[in-house]
């Protein structure tokens, strides 16, 4: 079975490419060419039957991902499906099932069966769960079994932590937060306790076999991403990025689609550099960033600290933003935290698209601004990212008043300007009328 990358390289335009081209309002042949170069991906497992495909990469709208998933502390299929419902309702482009508790296979299949958006996973979590948490007892081939199972279920992209190697582990010694990637830390422990190389690296060809068969997209994981500002852009992070660049070329040779995961916690002034380094070392493959968080002091508000970084990363070329919720670093996000994370990242992605100059990206802003100036509240609600919340806040005055409760009728700038415009228009009409009368009088006098 051919992948989207193989079709593109052969000059064929798939129904998925046509769907994405129409949705993005781009030329189909241009899209095919970018996919063939690896700068755009369409994560679309052939077994995900309900999928409405999306494109991620250069020249397309910045996409956002929402992480959902159960834990050992709280596991409920109904809650995960509610989170998925919020993902779809509020506009997440993809979702990742990061479940570590409950019946993982049933939860995953339920999500895939209900989802029109691409679904991603981290198969390492299932490997650990299958071993009852005994990481040292996991066999290398257990990863292949989990990956194969999830590919057959219809997972569209998988985070594969193949870039953390035994030789890179000493590079984290000077860090404050060590290895913060869950998958990366699991593999680090496995390598140390078994004194063997990363099985996702040594078995990369076999993983390509599975991905090529089902058209699963690689999301090459950033196992050594920084978990604090102190650790940002260090030797460990950059060395892994170079390794991921080599794996990208290897996957492309097998016609497998690839994107690269990125940091993490990054000071604002280092974000541009991080994007540039990823594009350089990973040959222009789409960049998928977690945030990045630009400060470490805001537990409970990390959807804000990270959305700031996400907007800047998107402006400088990041293609895909993994949301962060208010529960980050604190606990498992519920549906409401999922909603808040999505809205924050929709704002970040949209701001990035305007900065990138994506065609027509600002049209919605201009339309809402016109509605705001005309006091057309219903139109403002319709164009907003979260109509329900906007309508709820407006409920104190309804939609009839031409002012809000912040300024009231006397201090409303737009209301006063409307009146000034009205008065100016009235005076202009009077002046024009006087001119016409004078011309008429002059004409009559000459006669």
Protein backbone atom coordinates (compact mmCIF):
# COMPACT_ATOMS: atom_id res chain seq x y z
CA UNK A 1 0.00 0.00 0.00
CA UNK A 2 1.49 3.36 -1.06
CA UNK A 3 1.82 6.31 1.31
CA UNK A 4 0.85 9.91 0.61
CA UNK A 5 4.57 10.60 0.15
CA UNK A 6 4.94 7.79 -2.38
CA UNK A 7 1.90 8.92 -4.36
CA UNK A 8 3.22 12.49 -4.39
CA UNK A 9 6.66 11.37 -5.59
CA UNK A 10 5.01 9.34 -8.36
CA UNK A 11 3.10 12.41 -9.53
CA UNK A 12 -0.28 11.12 -8.34
CA UNK A 13 -2.81 13.36 -6.62
CA UNK A 14 -4.85 11.48 -4.01
CA UNK A 15 -8.34 12.27 -2.74
CA UNK A 16 -6.68 13.33 0.53
CA UNK A 17 -4.52 15.85 -1.35
CA UNK A 18 -7.58 17.21 -3.16
CA UNK A 19 -9.44 17.55 0.13
CA UNK A 20 -6.56 19.41 1.79
CA UNK A 21 -5.95 21.65 -1.24
CA UNK A 22 -9.59 22.72 -1.33
CA UNK A 23 -9.70 23.29 2.43
CA UNK A 24 -6.49 25.34 2.38
CA UNK A 25 -7.35 27.13 -0.89
CA UNK A 26 -4.03 26.17 -2.46
CA UNK A 27 -3.08 24.70 -5.82
CA UNK A 28 -3.27 20.91 -5.84
CA UNK A 29 -0.12 20.45 -7.89
CA UNK A 30 1.81 22.79 -5.58
CA UNK A 31 0.60 20.75 -2.60
CA UNK A 32 1.66 17.48 -4.23
CA UNK A 33 5.11 18.93 -4.90
CA UNK A 34 5.56 20.06 -1.29
CA UNK A 35 4.49 16.65 0.00
CA UNK A 36 6.98 14.97 -2.32
CA UNK A 37 9.72 17.19 -0.84
CA UNK A 38 8.73 16.29 2.73
CA UNK A 39 7.85 19.88 3.69
CA UNK A 40 4.13 19.06 4.02
CA UNK A 41 2.53 15.95 5.46
CA UNK A 42 -0.99 14.53 5.44
CA UNK A 43 -1.30 12.15 8.43
CA UNK A 44 -3.91 9.69 7.13
CA UNK A 45 -3.74 6.05 8.19
CA UNK A 46 -5.54 3.92 5.61
CA UNK A 47 -7.44 2.24 8.49
CA UNK A 48 -8.91 5.50 9.87
CA UNK A 49 -12.19 5.39 7.98
CA UNK A 50 -13.92 8.49 9.38
CA UNK A 51 -10.98 10.81 8.76
CA UNK A 52 -11.19 14.27 7.23
CA UNK A 53 -7.51 14.74 6.34
CA UNK A 54 -5.46 17.84 7.09
CA UNK A 55 -2.16 19.15 5.82
CA UNK A 56 0.68 20.26 8.09
CA UNK A 57 3.70 22.17 6.85
CA UNK A 58 5.18 25.07 4.95
CA UNK A 59 2.71 27.47 3.34
CA UNK A 60 -0.36 26.04 5.06
CA UNK A 61 -2.31 27.33 8.04
CA UNK A 62 -0.65 26.66 11.39
CA UNK A 63 -2.31 23.63 12.99
CA UNK A 64 -2.92 22.81 16.64
CA UNK A 65 -3.01 19.51 18.52
CA UNK A 66 -4.91 18.72 21.71
CA UNK A 67 -3.64 16.01 24.04
CA UNK A 68 -6.29 13.86 25.68
CA UNK A 69 -6.08 10.49 27.42
CA UNK A 70 -6.83 8.67 30.64
CA UNK A 71 -4.46 8.01 33.53
CA UNK A 72 -4.20 5.36 36.23
CA UNK A 73 -5.71 7.89 38.63
CA UNK A 74 -8.69 8.68 36.39
CA UNK A 75 -9.74 6.49 33.48
CA UNK A 76 -13.09 6.85 31.72
CA UNK A 77 -13.93 6.24 28.07
CA UNK A 78 -16.88 8.64 28.35
CA UNK A 79 -14.65 11.43 29.66
CA UNK A 80 -12.14 10.90 26.86
CA UNK A 81 -14.91 10.99 24.26
CA UNK A 82 -16.17 14.20 25.87
CA UNK A 83 -12.68 15.66 25.51
CA UNK A 84 -12.67 14.58 21.86
CA UNK A 85 -16.05 16.26 21.43
CA UNK A 86 -14.53 19.49 22.77
CA UNK A 87 -11.54 19.08 20.43
CA UNK A 88 -13.87 18.95 17.44
CA UNK A 89 -16.25 21.66 18.70
CA UNK A 90 -13.56 24.22 19.47
CA UNK A 91 -11.40 23.55 16.45
CA UNK A 92 -8.41 21.37 17.34
CA UNK A 93 -6.91 20.07 14.11
CA UNK A 94 -5.70 16.80 15.67
CA UNK A 95 -5.78 14.98 18.99
CA UNK A 96 -3.30 12.67 20.69
CA UNK A 97 -4.49 9.83 22.91
CA UNK A 98 -1.85 9.76 25.63
CA UNK A 99 -3.68 7.28 27.86
CA UNK A 100 -1.60 5.51 30.49
CA UNK A 101 -4.48 3.93 32.42
CA UNK A 102 -7.65 1.97 31.77
CA UNK A 103 -8.11 -0.38 28.84
CA UNK A 104 -5.77 1.36 26.42
CA UNK A 105 -6.84 -0.58 23.33
CA UNK A 106 -10.54 0.04 23.89
CA UNK A 107 -10.06 3.73 24.71
CA UNK A 108 -7.88 4.23 21.63
CA UNK A 109 -10.23 2.40 19.28
CA UNK A 110 -13.24 4.29 20.65
CA UNK A 111 -11.49 7.61 20.01
CA UNK A 112 -10.43 6.66 16.48
CA UNK A 113 -13.89 5.36 15.58
CA UNK A 114 -15.50 8.63 16.69
CA UNK A 115 -12.88 11.03 15.32
CA UNK A 116 -12.95 12.92 12.02
CA UNK A 117 -9.60 14.51 12.93
CA UNK A 118 -6.21 12.73 12.85
CA UNK A 119 -5.28 10.83 16.01
CA UNK A 120 -1.76 10.40 17.35
CA UNK A 121 -0.29 8.21 20.09
CA UNK A 122 2.91 7.39 21.96
CA UNK A 123 3.17 3.59 21.64
CA UNK A 124 5.81 3.40 24.39
CA UNK A 125 3.04 3.98 26.95
CA UNK A 126 1.31 0.79 25.86
CA UNK A 127 4.59 -1.11 26.01
CA UNK A 128 5.04 -0.07 29.64
CA UNK A 129 1.43 -0.84 30.50
CA UNK A 130 1.70 -4.30 28.93
CA UNK A 131 4.76 -4.99 31.11
CA UNK A 132 2.90 -3.92 34.29
CA UNK A 133 5.37 -1.08 34.72
CA UNK A 134 8.44 -3.33 34.81
CA UNK A 135 10.47 -1.31 32.34
CA UNK A 136 13.60 -3.41 32.76
CA UNK A 137 11.71 -6.53 31.59
CA UNK A 138 10.48 -5.08 28.31
CA UNK A 139 11.82 -6.82 25.22
CA UNK A 140 12.94 -4.76 22.23
CA UNK A 141 10.36 -6.42 19.97
CA UNK A 142 7.56 -5.41 22.36
CA UNK A 143 7.74 -1.94 20.83
CA UNK A 144 7.18 -3.38 17.35
CA UNK A 145 4.15 -5.34 18.56
CA UNK A 146 2.56 -2.23 20.09
CA UNK A 147 3.30 -0.10 17.02
CA UNK A 148 1.86 -2.73 14.69
CA UNK A 149 -1.33 -3.06 16.77
CA UNK A 150 -1.90 0.70 16.89
CA UNK A 151 -1.23 1.07 13.16
CA UNK A 152 -3.86 -1.55 12.43
CA UNK A 153 -6.32 0.29 14.70
CA UNK A 154 -5.98 3.41 12.56
CA UNK A 155 -3.58 5.71 14.43
CA UNK A 156 -2.52 8.43 11.98
CA UNK A 157 0.81 9.46 13.54
CA UNK A 158 2.96 8.13 16.35
CA UNK A 159 5.59 9.74 18.52
CA UNK A 160 8.70 7.60 18.12
CA UNK A 161 11.44 8.51 20.61
CA UNK A 162 14.27 7.18 18.46
CA UNK A 163 16.69 10.07 18.92
CA UNK A 164 17.75 9.48 22.52
CA UNK A 165 20.83 7.25 22.48
CA UNK A 166 23.21 5.91 25.10
CA UNK A 167 25.86 8.39 24.02
CA UNK A 168 23.50 11.35 24.54
CA UNK A 169 22.51 10.49 28.12
CA UNK A 170 25.59 12.06 29.77
CA UNK A 171 24.73 15.38 28.11
CA UNK A 172 21.84 16.00 30.54
CA UNK A 173 23.96 15.94 33.71
CA UNK A 174 24.08 19.71 34.08
CA UNK A 175 20.33 20.15 33.66
CA UNK A 176 17.92 21.22 36.38
CA UNK A 177 15.06 19.05 35.16
CA UNK A 178 16.87 16.16 33.45
CA UNK A 179 14.74 14.22 30.94
CA UNK A 180 11.13 15.47 31.10
CA UNK A 181 9.72 13.53 28.16
CA UNK A 182 7.80 10.57 29.54
CA UNK A 183 8.71 8.39 26.57
CA UNK A 184 12.29 9.64 26.63
CA UNK A 185 12.70 8.92 30.34
CA UNK A 186 11.29 5.39 29.90
CA UNK A 187 13.77 4.65 27.12
CA UNK A 188 16.64 6.18 29.08
CA UNK A 189 15.87 3.91 32.01
CA UNK A 190 15.52 0.88 29.71
CA UNK A 191 18.89 1.56 28.08
CA UNK A 192 20.66 2.01 31.40
CA UNK A 193 19.13 -1.03 33.08
CA UNK A 194 19.61 -3.29 30.04
CA UNK A 195 22.90 -1.76 28.87
CA UNK A 196 21.60 -1.75 25.33
CA UNK A 197 20.91 0.84 22.65
CA UNK A 198 17.50 2.46 22.15
CA UNK A 199 15.30 -0.23 20.51
CA UNK A 200 13.35 2.39 18.57
CA UNK A 201 16.65 3.43 16.96
CA UNK A 202 18.01 -0.07 16.33
CA UNK A 203 14.65 -1.26 14.95
CA UNK A 204 13.91 1.86 12.91
CA UNK A 205 13.79 -0.08 9.64
CA UNK A 206 11.15 -2.44 11.03
CA UNK A 207 9.11 0.53 12.23
CA UNK A 208 9.33 1.96 8.70
CA UNK A 209 7.95 -1.35 7.40
CA UNK A 210 4.86 -0.94 9.57
CA UNK A 211 4.42 2.76 8.87
CA UNK A 212 4.80 2.27 5.12
CA UNK A 213 2.19 -0.51 5.10
CA UNK A 214 -0.49 1.57 6.86
CA UNK A 215 0.70 5.09 5.98
CA UNK A 216 1.41 6.11 9.56
CA UNK A 217 3.30 9.38 9.90
CA UNK A 218 6.43 9.62 12.03
CA UNK A 219 6.36 12.23 14.75
CA UNK A 220 9.99 11.95 15.76
CA UNK A 221 9.94 12.63 19.49
CA UNK A 222 12.12 15.14 21.30
CA UNK A 223 13.11 12.93 24.21
CA UNK A 224 15.69 15.48 25.35
CA UNK A 225 13.51 18.56 25.08
CA UNK A 226 14.18 21.10 27.84
CA UNK A 227 11.78 21.07 30.78
CA UNK A 228 12.95 24.42 32.13
CA UNK A 229 14.36 27.65 30.78
CA UNK A 230 17.72 26.77 32.33
CA UNK A 231 18.01 23.67 30.13
CA UNK A 232 16.96 25.29 26.86
CA UNK A 233 19.00 24.97 23.66
CA UNK A 234 21.69 22.90 25.37
CA UNK A 235 24.01 20.25 23.88
CA UNK A 236 21.61 17.40 24.64
CA UNK A 237 18.71 19.03 22.82
CA UNK A 238 20.76 19.99 19.77
CA UNK A 239 22.52 16.63 19.51
CA UNK A 240 19.20 14.82 19.49
CA UNK A 241 17.91 17.20 16.81
CA UNK A 242 20.83 16.21 14.58
CA UNK A 243 20.06 12.53 15.15
CA UNK A 244 16.42 13.14 14.22
CA UNK A 245 17.60 14.79 11.01
CA UNK A 246 19.39 11.59 10.04
CA UNK A 247 16.33 9.49 10.86
CA UNK A 248 14.20 11.83 8.74
CA UNK A 249 16.27 11.04 5.67
CA UNK A 250 16.07 7.34 6.49
CA UNK A 251 12.27 7.45 6.78
CA UNK A 252 11.92 9.47 3.56
CA UNK A 253 13.86 6.79 1.68
CA UNK A 254 11.12 4.39 2.78
CA UNK A 255 8.38 6.80 1.63
CA UNK A 256 7.30 7.47 5.20
CA UNK A 257 6.02 10.92 6.13
CA UNK A 258 7.85 12.73 8.94
CA UNK A 259 7.45 15.64 11.31
CA UNK A 260 9.79 16.63 14.12
CA UNK A 261 8.77 17.36 17.69
CA UNK A 262 10.33 20.30 19.47
CA UNK A 263 10.67 22.04 22.81
CA UNK A 264 9.49 22.47 25.51
CA UNK A 265 10.55 25.37 27.72
CA UNK A 266 12.41 28.07 25.75
CA UNK A 267 13.10 31.73 26.61
CA UNK A 268 11.31 34.05 24.23
CA UNK A 269 14.51 35.31 22.63
CA UNK A 270 15.68 31.78 21.75
CA UNK A 271 12.54 30.63 19.92
CA UNK A 272 13.53 31.92 16.48
CA UNK A 273 16.91 30.18 16.75
CA UNK A 274 15.27 26.90 17.74
CA UNK A 275 12.98 26.95 14.71
CA UNK A 276 15.88 27.78 12.40
CA UNK A 277 18.00 24.94 13.83
CA UNK A 278 15.18 22.42 13.38
CA UNK A 279 14.59 23.43 9.77
CA UNK A 280 18.33 23.25 9.11
CA UNK A 281 19.13 19.91 10.75
CA UNK A 282 15.86 18.20 9.77
CA UNK A 283 15.80 19.26 6.12
CA UNK A 284 12.64 21.37 6.21
CA UNK A 285 10.39 18.68 7.69
CA UNK A 286 7.33 20.11 9.49
CA UNK A 287 8.07 21.28 13.03
CA UNK A 288 5.71 20.31 15.87
CA UNK A 289 6.34 22.31 19.07
CA UNK A 290 5.05 21.80 22.61
CA UNK A 291 4.37 25.41 23.48
CA UNK A 292 7.10 26.40 24.05
CA UNK A 293 6.62 27.79 27.55
CA UNK A 294 8.45 31.09 27.92
CA UNK A 295 8.52 31.19 31.72
CA UNK A 296 8.47 28.57 34.48
CA UNK A 297 6.60 30.51 37.20
CA UNK A 298 2.95 30.17 36.21
CA UNK A 299 1.49 26.80 37.30
CA UNK A 300 -2.23 26.92 36.58
CA UNK A 301 -1.68 29.37 33.73
CA UNK A 302 0.72 27.49 31.50
CA UNK A 303 -1.80 27.57 28.65
CA UNK A 304 -0.96 31.30 28.57
CA UNK A 305 2.81 31.08 29.08
CA UNK A 306 2.99 28.48 26.31
CA UNK A 307 0.57 30.17 23.90
CA UNK A 308 2.87 33.20 23.93
CA UNK A 309 5.76 30.98 22.87
CA UNK A 310 3.58 29.11 20.38
CA UNK A 311 2.59 32.30 18.58
CA UNK A 312 6.22 33.37 18.28
CA UNK A 313 7.32 29.89 17.15
CA UNK A 314 4.56 29.88 14.55
CA UNK A 315 5.57 33.32 13.34
CA UNK A 316 9.11 32.06 12.72
CA UNK A 317 8.09 28.91 10.88
CA UNK A 318 6.78 26.25 13.30
CA UNK A 319 4.00 24.40 11.48
CA UNK A 320 2.12 22.61 14.23
CA UNK A 321 1.48 23.62 17.85
CA UNK A 322 0.81 21.11 20.62
CA UNK A 323 -1.45 22.80 23.13
CA UNK A 324 -0.81 23.11 26.84
CA UNK A 325 -3.69 23.29 29.31
CA UNK A 326 -3.99 25.04 32.70
CA UNK A 327 -3.42 21.58 34.24
CA UNK A 328 0.10 21.25 32.80
CA UNK A 329 2.59 20.13 35.48
CA UNK A 330 -0.30 19.78 37.95
CA UNK A 331 -2.72 17.04 36.94
CA UNK A 332 -4.86 15.35 34.29
CA UNK A 333 -6.83 17.93 32.27
CA UNK A 334 -10.59 17.57 32.21
CA UNK A 335 -12.88 18.72 29.39
CA UNK A 336 -12.91 22.35 30.56
CA UNK A 337 -9.09 22.52 30.70
CA UNK A 338 -9.02 20.95 27.24
CA UNK A 339 -11.29 23.72 25.99
CA UNK A 340 -9.13 26.45 27.52
CA UNK A 341 -5.99 24.97 25.99
CA UNK A 342 -7.59 24.74 22.54
CA UNK A 343 -8.86 28.33 22.58
CA UNK A 344 -5.46 29.65 23.72
CA UNK A 345 -3.75 27.77 20.89
CA UNK A 346 -6.31 28.71 18.26
CA UNK A 347 -5.43 32.31 19.11
CA UNK A 348 -1.70 31.56 18.90
CA UNK A 349 -2.00 29.74 15.57
CA UNK A 350 -4.17 32.47 14.07
CA UNK A 351 -1.78 35.20 15.21
CA UNK A 352 1.09 33.23 13.66
CA UNK A 353 -0.77 32.88 10.34
CA UNK A 354 -1.31 36.63 10.16
CA UNK A 355 2.39 37.20 10.86
CA UNK A 356 3.36 34.59 8.24
CA UNK A 357 1.20 36.28 5.64
CA UNK A 358 -1.00 33.24 5.01
CA UNK A 359 -3.48 34.40 2.32
CA UNK A 360 -6.81 35.62 3.73
CA UNK A 361 -5.72 34.86 7.30
CA UNK A 362 -6.87 38.28 8.50
CA UNK A 363 -10.24 38.29 6.74
CA UNK A 364 -12.08 37.06 9.82
CA UNK A 365 -10.45 39.74 11.97
CA UNK A 366 -11.54 42.47 9.57
CA UNK A 367 -15.09 41.14 9.43
CA UNK A 368 -15.31 41.00 13.21
CA UNK A 369 -13.89 44.51 13.50
CA UNK A 370 -16.57 45.79 11.12
CA UNK A 371 -19.25 44.04 13.17
CA UNK A 372 -17.79 45.54 16.35
CA UNK A 373 -17.89 49.05 14.87
CA UNK A 374 -21.49 48.50 13.75
CA UNK A 375 -22.54 47.11 17.15
CA UNK A 376 -23.60 43.90 15.38
CA UNK A 377 -23.30 41.64 18.38
CA UNK A 378 -24.66 38.52 16.70
CA UNK A 379 -22.08 38.80 13.94
CA UNK A 380 -19.34 39.24 16.54
CA UNK A 381 -20.46 36.07 18.33
CA UNK A 382 -20.59 34.17 15.04
CA UNK A 383 -17.04 35.15 14.10
CA UNK A 384 -15.49 34.60 17.53
CA UNK A 385 -13.50 31.51 18.53
CA UNK A 386 -15.82 30.84 21.48
CA UNK A 387 -19.32 32.23 20.76
CA UNK A 388 -20.82 30.78 23.94
CA UNK A 389 -18.42 32.60 26.24
CA UNK A 390 -18.69 35.86 24.29
CA UNK A 391 -22.50 35.69 24.42
CA UNK A 392 -22.45 34.88 28.13
CA UNK A 393 -20.27 37.91 28.95
CA UNK A 394 -22.52 40.13 26.83
CA UNK A 395 -25.72 38.87 28.50
CA UNK A 396 -25.90 41.82 30.94
CA UNK A 397 -27.07 44.21 28.19
CA UNK A 398 -28.23 41.90 25.42
CA UNK A 399 -27.77 42.68 21.74
CA UNK A 400 -29.94 45.78 21.41
CA UNK A 401 -27.73 48.35 23.15
CA UNK A 402 -25.08 50.19 21.12
CA UNK A 403 -22.58 50.17 24.00
CA UNK A 404 -21.23 47.75 26.61
CA UNK A 405 -21.24 47.82 30.40
CA UNK A 406 -17.54 48.74 30.47
CA UNK A 407 -17.99 52.23 29.02
CA UNK A 408 -21.74 52.78 29.09
CA UNK A 409 -23.49 55.09 26.61
CA UNK A 410 -21.58 58.26 27.47
CA UNK A 411 -18.00 56.96 27.32
CA UNK A 412 -18.29 54.46 24.47
CA UNK A 413 -15.68 55.53 21.92
CA UNK A 414 -17.36 53.94 18.94
CA UNK A 415 -20.77 55.30 19.89
CA UNK A 416 -19.34 58.80 20.22
CA UNK A 417 -17.49 58.44 16.94
CA UNK A 418 -20.67 57.28 15.20
CA UNK A 419 -22.38 60.42 16.48
CA UNK A 420 -19.46 62.56 15.37
CA UNK A 421 -19.56 60.97 11.92
CA UNK A 422 -23.30 61.54 11.83
CA UNK A 423 -22.87 65.19 12.73
CA UNK A 424 -20.09 65.57 10.17
CA UNK A 425 -22.25 63.97 7.53
CA UNK A 426 -25.15 66.28 8.41
CA UNK A 427 -22.90 69.37 8.16
CA UNK A 428 -21.43 68.16 4.87
CA UNK A 429 -24.93 67.78 3.46
CA UNK A 430 -25.78 71.31 4.58
CA UNK A 431 -22.64 72.70 2.91
CA UNK A 432 -23.39 70.86 -0.33
CA UNK A 433 -26.94 72.18 -0.24
CA UNK A 434 -25.69 75.75 0.20
CA UNK A 435 -23.28 75.32 -2.72
CA UNK A 436 -26.12 74.12 -4.94
CA UNK A 437 -28.27 77.08 -3.92
CA UNK A 438 -25.46 79.56 -4.58
CA UNK A 439 -24.81 78.06 -8.01
CA UNK A 440 -28.50 78.25 -8.81
CA UNK A 441 -28.68 81.88 -7.65
CA UNK A 442 -25.59 82.77 -9.68
CA UNK A 443 -27.02 81.11 -12.78
CA UNK A 444 -30.34 82.96 -12.36
CA UNK A 445 -28.54 86.29 -11.89
CA UNK A 446 -26.60 85.80 -15.11
CA UNK A 447 -29.79 85.06 -16.99
